[in-house]
C-alpha atoms as a PDB file:
ATOM      1  CA  MET A   1       0.000   0.000   0.000  1.00  0.00           C
ATOM      2  CA  GLY A   2       1.216   3.482  -0.725  1.00  0.00           C
ATOM      3  CA  PHE A   3       2.559   5.469  -3.623  1.00  0.00           C
ATOM      4  CA  PRO A   4       5.489   3.877  -5.492  1.00  0.00           C
ATOM      5  CA  PHE A   5       7.990   6.731  -5.250  1.00  0.00           C
ATOM      6  CA  ASP A   6      10.901   4.493  -6.152  1.00  0.00           C
ATOM      7  CA  THR A   7       9.309   2.919  -9.262  1.00  0.00           C
ATOM      8  CA  PRO A   8       7.538   4.541 -12.194  1.00  0.00           C
ATOM      9  CA  THR A   9       4.793   1.881 -12.251  1.00  0.00           C
ATOM     10  CA  TRP A  10       1.736   1.089 -10.183  1.00  0.00           C
ATOM     11  CA  ASP A  11       2.538  -2.627  -9.935  1.00  0.00           C
ATOM     12  CA  GLY A  12       1.887  -3.967  -6.456  1.00  0.00           C
ATOM     13  CA  VAL A  13       0.005  -0.903  -5.276  1.00  0.00           C
ATOM     14  CA  SER A  14      -3.344  -1.646  -3.666  1.00  0.00           C
ATOM     15  CA  GLY A  15      -5.838   0.374  -1.715  1.00  0.00           C
ATOM     16  CA  ALA A  16      -6.027   4.096  -1.274  1.00  0.00           C
ATOM     17  CA  ILE A  17      -2.900   6.162  -1.800  1.00  0.00           C
ATOM     18  CA  PHE A  18      -3.593   9.091   0.502  1.00  0.00           C
ATOM     19  CA  MET A  19      -3.188   9.694   4.194  1.00  0.00           C
ATOM     20  CA  GLY A  20      -6.338   9.503   6.231  1.00  0.00           C
ATOM     21  CA  VAL A  21      -7.762   6.409   4.579  1.00  0.00           C
ATOM     22  CA  GLY A  22     -10.339   4.761   6.779  1.00  0.00           C
ATOM     23  CA  SER A  23     -11.136   7.970   8.633  1.00  0.00           C
ATOM     24  CA  ALA A  24     -13.891  10.538   8.213  1.00  0.00           C
ATOM     25  CA  MET A  25     -11.556  13.142   6.685  1.00  0.00           C
ATOM     26  CA  PRO A  26     -12.319  12.533   2.975  1.00  0.00           C
ATOM     27  CA  GLY A  27     -16.046  12.832   3.645  1.00  0.00           C
ATOM     28  CA  LEU A  28     -15.563  15.868   5.842  1.00  0.00           C
ATOM     29  CA  PHE A  29     -13.378  17.628   3.276  1.00  0.00           C
ATOM     30  CA  SER A  30     -15.918  16.819   0.551  1.00  0.00           C
ATOM     31  CA  LEU A  31     -18.684  18.303   2.691  1.00  0.00           C
ATOM     32  CA  ILE A  32     -16.644  21.445   3.303  1.00  0.00           C
ATOM     33  CA  ALA A  33     -15.985  21.779  -0.444  1.00  0.00           C
ATOM     34  CA  ILE A  34     -19.695  21.337  -1.231  1.00  0.00           C
ATOM     35  CA  VAL A  35     -20.645  24.042   1.273  1.00  0.00           C
ATOM     36  CA  ILE A  36     -18.051  26.437  -0.168  1.00  0.00           C
ATOM     37  CA  CYS A  37     -19.267  25.805  -3.734  1.00  0.00           C
ATOM     38  CA  ILE A  38     -22.905  26.364  -2.810  1.00  0.00           C
ATOM     39  CA  ALA A  39     -21.986  29.550  -0.907  1.00  0.00           C
ATOM     40  CA  ALA A  40     -20.034  30.850  -3.926  1.00  0.00           C
ATOM     41  CA  LEU A  41     -22.996  30.165  -6.211  1.00  0.00           C
ATOM     42  CA  VAL A  42     -25.501  31.858  -3.898  1.00  0.00           C
ATOM     43  CA  ILE A  43     -23.295  34.898  -3.271  1.00  0.00           C
ATOM     44  CA  GLY A  44     -22.436  35.216  -6.958  1.00  0.00           C
ATOM     45  CA  ASN A  45     -26.070  34.929  -8.009  1.00  0.00           C
ATOM     46  CA  THR A  46     -27.125  37.530  -5.453  1.00  0.00           C
ATOM     47  CA  LYS A  47     -24.477  40.021  -6.556  1.00  0.00           C
ATOM     48  CA  GLU A  48     -25.201  39.416 -10.229  1.00  0.00           C
ATOM     49  CA  ALA A  49     -28.945  39.930  -9.726  1.00  0.00           C
ATOM     50  CA  GLY A  50     -28.280  43.110  -7.782  1.00  0.00           C
ATOM     51  CA  LYS A  51     -26.134  44.550 -10.569  1.00  0.00           C
ATOM     52  CA  TYR A  52     -28.561  43.471 -13.307  1.00  0.00           C
ATOM     53  CA  LYS A  53     -31.726  44.904 -11.689  1.00  0.00           C
ATOM     54  CA  PRO A  54     -30.992  48.631 -12.247  1.00  0.00           C
ATOM     55  CA  HIS A  55     -30.486  48.041 -15.993  1.00  0.00           C
ATOM     56  CA  LYS A  56     -33.950  46.663 -16.716  1.00  0.00           C
END
């Protein structure tokens, strides 16, 4: 298990290749990223609508 730093191939590598495997961190980081993306969309949409309204 792990990343083959000493060989240029993936032969013999099994399982996840990142730290934190088996913990809640990947799910937690995904949740944080989802919240940030939704916040960016909502804030961007609000600002865009506010700038578009006076030009109707």
